[in-house]
Structure formats: structure tokens, C-alpha cells
Amino acid sequence: MSLEIKVNNILQDFDNVSSDDFLKVIDEIMLEFRSTITIEYLKGKIQKITDLTNESEKKKQCKLLLPYFDWYVQGL
């Protein structure tokens, strides 16, 4: 499945995507960004979310990263 399809699936059905699947896709998206500051920021956010133990809290934190999916779809 292409990255674009994965991104669109998450945007359309965020509530039914696990935080682990979300983080895998954002990790792929991160490679498309040109700014090292943005990449480093996302790496830090991914690590913080990964360190959480509560799935509900992970989902809340993932939801805050959805604008990066929108930017990816818009072509960066």
C-alpha cells in the first residue's frame, strides 16, 4: 500500500487506527519533510508518544499531529 493511501485512510478513519499504526505512517511522512527542525521535532514527539503506556493518551497525542498528514496530502 502506498504512503499516500495510508495517509488518506488515517485521515478518513482516524478513530479506528491504532496509535502504533499512526506512528509508523508519520515516521514515513517525516522523511518527506525538507526542514531538519521539523524532522527533529517529529522524532521527539514520536518518542514521547511511544513512551506513553495509556492508549487513550497516545491517541490524543497522535491527533495533535494530524496537520502533518494534511500537509503531506497537499504536497508539502
PDB file of N, CA and C in Angstrom:
ATOM      1  N   MET A   1       0.852  -1.171   0.000  1.00  0.00           N
ATOM      2  CA  MET A   1       0.000   0.000   0.000  1.00  0.00           C
ATOM      3  C   MET A   1       0.897   1.233   0.000  1.00  0.00           C
ATOM      4  N   SER A   2       0.587   2.181  -0.845  1.00  0.00           N
ATOM      5  CA  SER A   2       1.410   3.378  -0.949  1.00  0.00           C
ATOM      6  C   SER A   2       1.224   4.269   0.273  1.00  0.00           C
ATOM      7  N   LEU A   3       2.198   5.128   0.506  1.00  0.00           N
ATOM      8  CA  LEU A   3       2.138   6.048   1.630  1.00  0.00           C
ATOM      9  C   LEU A   3       0.941   6.980   1.505  1.00  0.00           C
ATOM     10  N   GLU A   4       0.661   7.436   0.318  1.00  0.00           N
ATOM     11  CA  GLU A   4      -0.482   8.329   0.105  1.00  0.00           C
ATOM     12  C   GLU A   4      -1.801   7.653   0.510  1.00  0.00           C
ATOM     13  N   ILE A   5      -1.956   6.396   0.168  1.00  0.00           N
ATOM     14  CA  ILE A   5      -3.171   5.654   0.537  1.00  0.00           C
ATOM     15  C   ILE A   5      -3.248   5.493   2.053  1.00  0.00           C
ATOM     16  N   LYS A   6      -2.124   5.160   2.679  1.00  0.00           N
ATOM     17  CA  LYS A   6      -2.102   5.027   4.139  1.00  0.00           C
ATOM     18  C   LYS A   6      -2.512   6.335   4.810  1.00  0.00           C
ATOM     19  N   VAL A   7      -1.957   7.446   4.332  1.00  0.00           N
ATOM     20  CA  VAL A   7      -2.262   8.761   4.899  1.00  0.00           C
ATOM     21  C   VAL A   7      -3.747   9.068   4.746  1.00  0.00           C
ATOM     22  N   ASN A   8      -4.279   8.854   3.558  1.00  0.00           N
ATOM     23  CA  ASN A   8      -5.698   9.126   3.323  1.00  0.00           C
ATOM     24  C   ASN A   8      -6.598   8.237   4.179  1.00  0.00           C
ATOM     25  N   ASN A   9      -6.217   6.981   4.353  1.00  0.00           N
ATOM     26  CA  ASN A   9      -7.005   6.082   5.204  1.00  0.00           C
ATOM     27  C   ASN A   9      -7.048   6.585   6.643  1.00  0.00           C
ATOM     28  N   ILE A  10      -5.925   7.055   7.131  1.00  0.00           N
ATOM     29  CA  ILE A  10      -5.877   7.576   8.500  1.00  0.00           C
ATOM     30  C   ILE A  10      -6.697   8.850   8.616  1.00  0.00           C
ATOM     31  N   LEU A  11      -6.596   9.727   7.641  1.00  0.00           N
ATOM     32  CA  LEU A  11      -7.375  10.970   7.681  1.00  0.00           C
ATOM     33  C   LEU A  11      -8.873  10.694   7.648  1.00  0.00           C
ATOM     34  N   GLN A  12      -9.277   9.676   6.915  1.00  0.00           N
ATOM     35  CA  GLN A  12     -10.694   9.355   6.790  1.00  0.00           C
ATOM     36  C   GLN A  12     -11.244   8.580   7.987  1.00  0.00           C
ATOM     37  N   ASP A  13     -10.383   7.832   8.676  1.00  0.00           N
ATOM     38  CA  ASP A  13     -10.876   6.957   9.738  1.00  0.00           C
ATOM     39  C   ASP A  13      -9.923   6.944  10.934  1.00  0.00           C
ATOM     40  N   PHE A  14      -9.544   8.121  11.412  1.00  0.00           N
ATOM     41  CA  PHE A  14      -8.562   8.243  12.495  1.00  0.00           C
ATOM     42  C   PHE A  14      -8.965   7.447  13.735  1.00  0.00           C
ATOM     43  N   ASP A  15     -10.224   7.471  14.100  1.00  0.00           N
ATOM     44  CA  ASP A  15     -10.679   6.832  15.339  1.00  0.00           C
ATOM     45  C   ASP A  15     -10.439   5.323  15.366  1.00  0.00           C
ATOM     46  N   ASN A  16     -10.358   4.702  14.204  1.00  0.00           N
ATOM     47  CA  ASN A  16     -10.169   3.253  14.145  1.00  0.00           C
ATOM     48  C   ASN A  16      -8.747   2.827  13.804  1.00  0.00           C
ATOM     49  N   VAL A  17      -7.802   3.755  13.919  1.00  0.00           N
ATOM     50  CA  VAL A  17      -6.397   3.455  13.647  1.00  0.00           C
ATOM     51  C   VAL A  17      -5.658   3.397  14.976  1.00  0.00           C
ATOM     52  N   SER A  18      -4.867   2.364  15.169  1.00  0.00           N
ATOM     53  CA  SER A  18      -4.100   2.268  16.415  1.00  0.00           C
ATOM     54  C   SER A  18      -2.998   3.321  16.431  1.00  0.00           C
ATOM     55  N   SER A  19      -2.586   3.692  17.607  1.00  0.00           N
ATOM     56  CA  SER A  19      -1.521   4.688  17.712  1.00  0.00           C
ATOM     57  C   SER A  19      -0.233   4.151  17.092  1.00  0.00           C
ATOM     58  N   ASP A  20       0.019   2.851  17.206  1.00  0.00           N
ATOM     59  CA  ASP A  20       1.224   2.268  16.612  1.00  0.00           C
ATOM     60  C   ASP A  20       1.209   2.403  15.089  1.00  0.00           C
ATOM     61  N   ASP A  21       0.071   2.125  14.472  1.00  0.00           N
ATOM     62  CA  ASP A  21      -0.036   2.274  13.015  1.00  0.00           C
ATOM     63  C   ASP A  21       0.118   3.739  12.613  1.00  0.00           C
ATOM     64  N   PHE A  22      -0.486   4.620  13.388  1.00  0.00           N
ATOM     65  CA  PHE A  22      -0.377   6.056  13.128  1.00  0.00           C
ATOM     66  C   PHE A  22       1.092   6.482  13.164  1.00  0.00           C
ATOM     67  N   LEU A  23       1.804   6.048  14.191  1.00  0.00           N
ATOM     68  CA  LEU A  23       3.204   6.447  14.352  1.00  0.00           C
ATOM     69  C   LEU A  23       4.095   5.885  13.246  1.00  0.00           C
ATOM     70  N   LYS A  24       3.782   4.692  12.765  1.00  0.00           N
ATOM     71  CA  LYS A  24       4.545   4.126  11.655  1.00  0.00           C
ATOM     72  C   LYS A  24       4.400   4.993  10.408  1.00  0.00           C
ATOM     73  N   VAL A  25       3.181   5.456  10.156  1.00  0.00           N
ATOM     74  CA  VAL A  25       2.935   6.270   8.967  1.00  0.00           C
ATOM     75  C   VAL A  25       3.558   7.660   9.129  1.00  0.00           C
ATOM     76  N   ILE A  26       3.443   8.263  10.302  1.00  0.00           N
ATOM     77  CA  ILE A  26       4.046   9.589  10.481  1.00  0.00           C
ATOM     78  C   ILE A  26       5.565   9.501  10.378  1.00  0.00           C
ATOM     79  N   ASP A  27       6.114   8.366  10.777  1.00  0.00           N
ATOM     80  CA  ASP A  27       7.556   8.156  10.628  1.00  0.00           C
ATOM     81  C   ASP A  27       7.943   8.143   9.145  1.00  0.00           C
ATOM     82  N   GLU A  28       7.101   7.568   8.307  1.00  0.00           N
ATOM     83  CA  GLU A  28       7.348   7.568   6.865  1.00  0.00           C
ATOM     84  C   GLU A  28       7.184   8.976   6.278  1.00  0.00           C
ATOM     85  N   ILE A  29       6.149   9.682   6.727  1.00  0.00           N
ATOM     86  CA  ILE A  29       5.897  11.037   6.244  1.00  0.00           C
ATOM     87  C   ILE A  29       7.068  11.950   6.592  1.00  0.00           C
ATOM     88  N   MET A  30       7.597  11.771   7.776  1.00  0.00           N
ATOM     89  CA  MET A  30       8.675  12.618   8.268  1.00  0.00           C
ATOM     90  C   MET A  30       9.840  12.675   7.280  1.00  0.00           C
ATOM     91  N   LEU A  31      10.087  11.586   6.595  1.00  0.00           N
ATOM     92  CA  LEU A  31      11.192  11.527   5.642  1.00  0.00           C
ATOM     93  C   LEU A  31      10.974  12.450   4.443  1.00  0.00           C
ATOM     94  N   GLU A  32       9.731  12.864   4.221  1.00  0.00           N
ATOM     95  CA  GLU A  32       9.402  13.718   3.088  1.00  0.00           C
ATOM     96  C   GLU A  32       9.598  15.212   3.396  1.00  0.00           C
ATOM     97  N   PHE A  33       9.695  15.554   4.670  1.00  0.00           N
ATOM     98  CA  PHE A  33       9.858  16.957   5.033  1.00  0.00           C
ATOM     99  C   PHE A  33      11.280  17.408   4.743  1.00  0.00           C
ATOM    100  N   ARG A  34      11.422  18.651   4.325  1.00  0.00           N
ATOM    101  CA  ARG A  34      12.731  19.195   3.954  1.00  0.00           C
ATOM    102  C   ARG A  34      13.439  19.840   5.138  1.00  0.00           C
ATOM    103  N   SER A  35      12.687  20.290   6.107  1.00  0.00           N
ATOM    104  CA  SER A  35      13.245  21.013   7.245  1.00  0.00           C
ATOM    105  C   SER A  35      13.740  20.048   8.322  1.00  0.00           C
ATOM    106  N   THR A  36      15.014  20.147   8.662  1.00  0.00           N
ATOM    107  CA  THR A  36      15.553  19.285   9.706  1.00  0.00           C
ATOM    108  C   THR A  36      14.931  19.626  11.062  1.00  0.00           C
ATOM    109  N   ILE A  37      14.541  20.871  11.252  1.00  0.00           N
ATOM    110  CA  ILE A  37      13.889  21.263  12.511  1.00  0.00           C
ATOM    111  C   ILE A  37      12.569  20.508  12.664  1.00  0.00           C
ATOM    112  N   THR A  38      11.795  20.441  11.586  1.00  0.00           N
ATOM    113  CA  THR A  38      10.520  19.724  11.620  1.00  0.00           C
ATOM    114  C   THR A  38      10.754  18.237  11.866  1.00  0.00           C
ATOM    115  N   ILE A  39      11.741  17.678  11.215  1.00  0.00           N
ATOM    116  CA  ILE A  39      12.050  16.258  11.375  1.00  0.00           C
ATOM    117  C   ILE A  39      12.453  15.960  12.813  1.00  0.00           C
ATOM    118  N   GLU A  40      13.310  16.787  13.378  1.00  0.00           N
ATOM    119  CA  GLU A  40      13.743  16.578  14.764  1.00  0.00           C
ATOM    120  C   GLU A  40      12.575  16.734  15.731  1.00  0.00           C
ATOM    121  N   TYR A  41      11.707  17.702  15.475  1.00  0.00           N
ATOM    122  CA  TYR A  41      10.521  17.906  16.305  1.00  0.00           C
ATOM    123  C   TYR A  41       9.646  16.642  16.279  1.00  0.00           C
ATOM    124  N   LEU A  42       9.399  16.124  15.084  1.00  0.00           N
ATOM    125  CA  LEU A  42       8.557  14.936  14.956  1.00  0.00           C
ATOM    126  C   LEU A  42       9.195  13.718  15.613  1.00  0.00           C
ATOM    127  N   LYS A  43      10.494  13.574  15.496  1.00  0.00           N
ATOM    128  CA  LYS A  43      11.177  12.455  16.153  1.00  0.00           C
ATOM    129  C   LYS A  43      10.946  12.517  17.657  1.00  0.00           C
ATOM    130  N   GLY A  44      11.050  13.712  18.223  1.00  0.00           N
ATOM    131  CA  GLY A  44      10.823  13.883  19.647  1.00  0.00           C
ATOM    132  C   GLY A  44       9.391  13.559  20.043  1.00  0.00           C
ATOM    133  N   LYS A  45       8.434  14.034  19.238  1.00  0.00           N
ATOM    134  CA  LYS A  45       7.023  13.761  19.520  1.00  0.00           C
ATOM    135  C   LYS A  45       6.721  12.269  19.430  1.00  0.00           C
ATOM    136  N   ILE A  46       7.266  11.616  18.403  1.00  0.00           N
ATOM    137  CA  ILE A  46       7.055  10.174  18.232  1.00  0.00           C
ATOM    138  C   ILE A  46       7.600   9.429  19.444  1.00  0.00           C
ATOM    139  N   GLN A  47       8.786   9.805  19.906  1.00  0.00           N
ATOM    140  CA  GLN A  47       9.379   9.136  21.065  1.00  0.00           C
ATOM    141  C   GLN A  47       8.532   9.340  22.312  1.00  0.00           C
ATOM    142  N   LYS A  48       8.054  10.563  22.524  1.00  0.00           N
ATOM    143  CA  LYS A  48       7.215  10.836  23.695  1.00  0.00           C
ATOM    144  C   LYS A  48       5.927  10.024  23.661  1.00  0.00           C
ATOM    145  N   ILE A  49       5.317   9.925  22.486  1.00  0.00           N
ATOM    146  CA  ILE A  49       4.083   9.149  22.361  1.00  0.00           C
ATOM    147  C   ILE A  49       4.371   7.665  22.577  1.00  0.00           C
ATOM    148  N   THR A  50       5.462   7.189  22.024  1.00  0.00           N
ATOM    149  CA  THR A  50       5.842   5.780  22.176  1.00  0.00           C
ATOM    150  C   THR A  50       6.057   5.431  23.648  1.00  0.00           C
ATOM    151  N   ASP A  51       6.586   6.364  24.409  1.00  0.00           N
ATOM    152  CA  ASP A  51       6.874   6.127  25.828  1.00  0.00           C
ATOM    153  C   ASP A  51       5.609   6.067  26.687  1.00  0.00           C
ATOM    154  N   LEU A  52       4.499   6.604  26.190  1.00  0.00           N
ATOM    155  CA  LEU A  52       3.250   6.571  26.955  1.00  0.00           C
ATOM    156  C   LEU A  52       2.737   5.132  27.045  1.00  0.00           C
ATOM    157  N   THR A  53       2.040   4.816  28.127  1.00  0.00           N
ATOM    158  CA  THR A  53       1.513   3.459  28.287  1.00  0.00           C
ATOM    159  C   THR A  53       0.007   3.387  28.056  1.00  0.00           C
ATOM    160  N   ASN A  54      -0.677   4.503  28.147  1.00  0.00           N
ATOM    161  CA  ASN A  54      -2.126   4.541  28.013  1.00  0.00           C
ATOM    162  C   ASN A  54      -2.504   4.803  26.552  1.00  0.00           C
ATOM    163  N   GLU A  55      -3.202   3.863  25.931  1.00  0.00           N
ATOM    164  CA  GLU A  55      -3.576   4.000  24.507  1.00  0.00           C
ATOM    165  C   GLU A  55      -4.438   5.230  24.270  1.00  0.00           C
ATOM    166  N   SER A  56      -5.312   5.541  25.197  1.00  0.00           N
ATOM    167  CA  SER A  56      -6.173   6.713  25.054  1.00  0.00           C
ATOM    168  C   SER A  56      -5.336   7.993  24.989  1.00  0.00           C
ATOM    169  N   GLU A  57      -4.341   8.095  25.836  1.00  0.00           N
ATOM    170  CA  GLU A  57      -3.465   9.276  25.828  1.00  0.00           C
ATOM    171  C   GLU A  57      -2.617   9.306  24.560  1.00  0.00           C
ATOM    172  N   LYS A  58      -2.181   8.139  24.110  1.00  0.00           N
ATOM    173  CA  LYS A  58      -1.419   8.066  22.857  1.00  0.00           C
ATOM    174  C   LYS A  58      -2.254   8.612  21.702  1.00  0.00           C
ATOM    175  N   LYS A  59      -3.529   8.215  21.655  1.00  0.00           N
ATOM    176  CA  LYS A  59      -4.417   8.670  20.576  1.00  0.00           C
ATOM    177  C   LYS A  59      -4.598  10.185  20.624  1.00  0.00           C
ATOM    178  N   LYS A  60      -4.736  10.739  21.828  1.00  0.00           N
ATOM    179  CA  LYS A  60      -4.876  12.190  21.967  1.00  0.00           C
ATOM    180  C   LYS A  60      -3.647  12.899  21.413  1.00  0.00           C
ATOM    181  N   GLN A  61      -2.482  12.379  21.729  1.00  0.00           N
ATOM    182  CA  GLN A  61      -1.248  12.987  21.256  1.00  0.00           C
ATOM    183  C   GLN A  61      -1.073  12.811  19.742  1.00  0.00           C
ATOM    184  N   CYS A  62      -1.479  11.661  19.226  1.00  0.00           N
ATOM    185  CA  CYS A  62      -1.412  11.430  17.775  1.00  0.00           C
ATOM    186  C   CYS A  62      -2.317  12.405  17.041  1.00  0.00           C
ATOM    187  N   LYS A  63      -3.486  12.646  17.612  1.00  0.00           N
ATOM    188  CA  LYS A  63      -4.440  13.552  16.965  1.00  0.00           C
ATOM    189  C   LYS A  63      -3.837  14.932  16.760  1.00  0.00           C
ATOM    190  N   LEU A  64      -2.968  15.347  17.661  1.00  0.00           N
ATOM    191  CA  LEU A  64      -2.313  16.654  17.533  1.00  0.00           C
ATOM    192  C   LEU A  64      -1.355  16.706  16.343  1.00  0.00           C
ATOM    193  N   LEU A  65      -0.964  15.559  15.837  1.00  0.00           N
ATOM    194  CA  LEU A  65      -0.040  15.501  14.699  1.00  0.00           C
ATOM    195  C   LEU A  65      -0.746  15.366  13.353  1.00  0.00           C
ATOM    196  N   LEU A  66      -2.072  15.322  13.366  1.00  0.00           N
ATOM    197  CA  LEU A  66      -2.817  15.177  12.104  1.00  0.00           C
ATOM    198  C   LEU A  66      -2.525  16.270  11.074  1.00  0.00           C
ATOM    199  N   PRO A  67      -2.225  17.511  11.477  1.00  0.00           N
ATOM    200  CA  PRO A  67      -1.900  18.518  10.444  1.00  0.00           C
ATOM    201  C   PRO A  67      -0.732  18.118   9.541  1.00  0.00           C
ATOM    202  N   TYR A  68       0.179  17.302  10.033  1.00  0.00           N
ATOM    203  CA  TYR A  68       1.294  16.847   9.198  1.00  0.00           C
ATOM    204  C   TYR A  68       0.799  15.922   8.090  1.00  0.00           C
ATOM    205  N   PHE A  69      -0.258  15.187   8.361  1.00  0.00           N
ATOM    206  CA  PHE A  69      -0.870  14.341   7.331  1.00  0.00           C
ATOM    207  C   PHE A  69      -1.508  15.229   6.266  1.00  0.00           C
ATOM    208  N   ASP A  70      -2.190  16.282   6.706  1.00  0.00           N
ATOM    209  CA  ASP A  70      -2.798  17.221   5.756  1.00  0.00           C
ATOM    210  C   ASP A  70      -1.730  17.871   4.877  1.00  0.00           C
ATOM    211  N   TRP A  71      -0.624  18.291   5.487  1.00  0.00           N
ATOM    212  CA  TRP A  71       0.457  18.914   4.719  1.00  0.00           C
ATOM    213  C   TRP A  71       1.007  17.941   3.695  1.00  0.00           C
ATOM    214  N   TYR A  72       1.149  16.678   4.096  1.00  0.00           N
ATOM    215  CA  TYR A  72       1.661  15.669   3.170  1.00  0.00           C
ATOM    216  C   TYR A  72       0.734  15.527   1.967  1.00  0.00           C
ATOM    217  N   VAL A  73      -0.567  15.459   2.236  1.00  0.00           N
ATOM    218  CA  VAL A  73      -1.551  15.297   1.163  1.00  0.00           C
ATOM    219  C   VAL A  73      -1.534  16.511   0.223  1.00  0.00           C
ATOM    220  N   GLN A  74      -1.314  17.691   0.792  1.00  0.00           N
ATOM    221  CA  GLN A  74      -1.283  18.914  -0.005  1.00  0.00           C
ATOM    222  C   GLN A  74       0.006  19.060  -0.809  1.00  0.00           C
ATOM    223  N   GLY A  75       0.939  18.162  -0.601  1.00  0.00           N
ATOM    224  CA  GLY A  75       2.156  18.181  -1.416  1.00  0.00           C
ATOM    225  C   GLY A  75       3.323  18.881  -0.777  1.00  0.00           C
ATOM    226  N   LEU A  76       3.259  19.092   0.534  1.00  0.00           N
ATOM    227  CA  LEU A  76       4.353  19.740   1.242  1.00  0.00           C
ATOM    228  C   LEU A  76       4.688  21.028   0.542  1.00  0.00           C
TER     229      LEU A  76
END
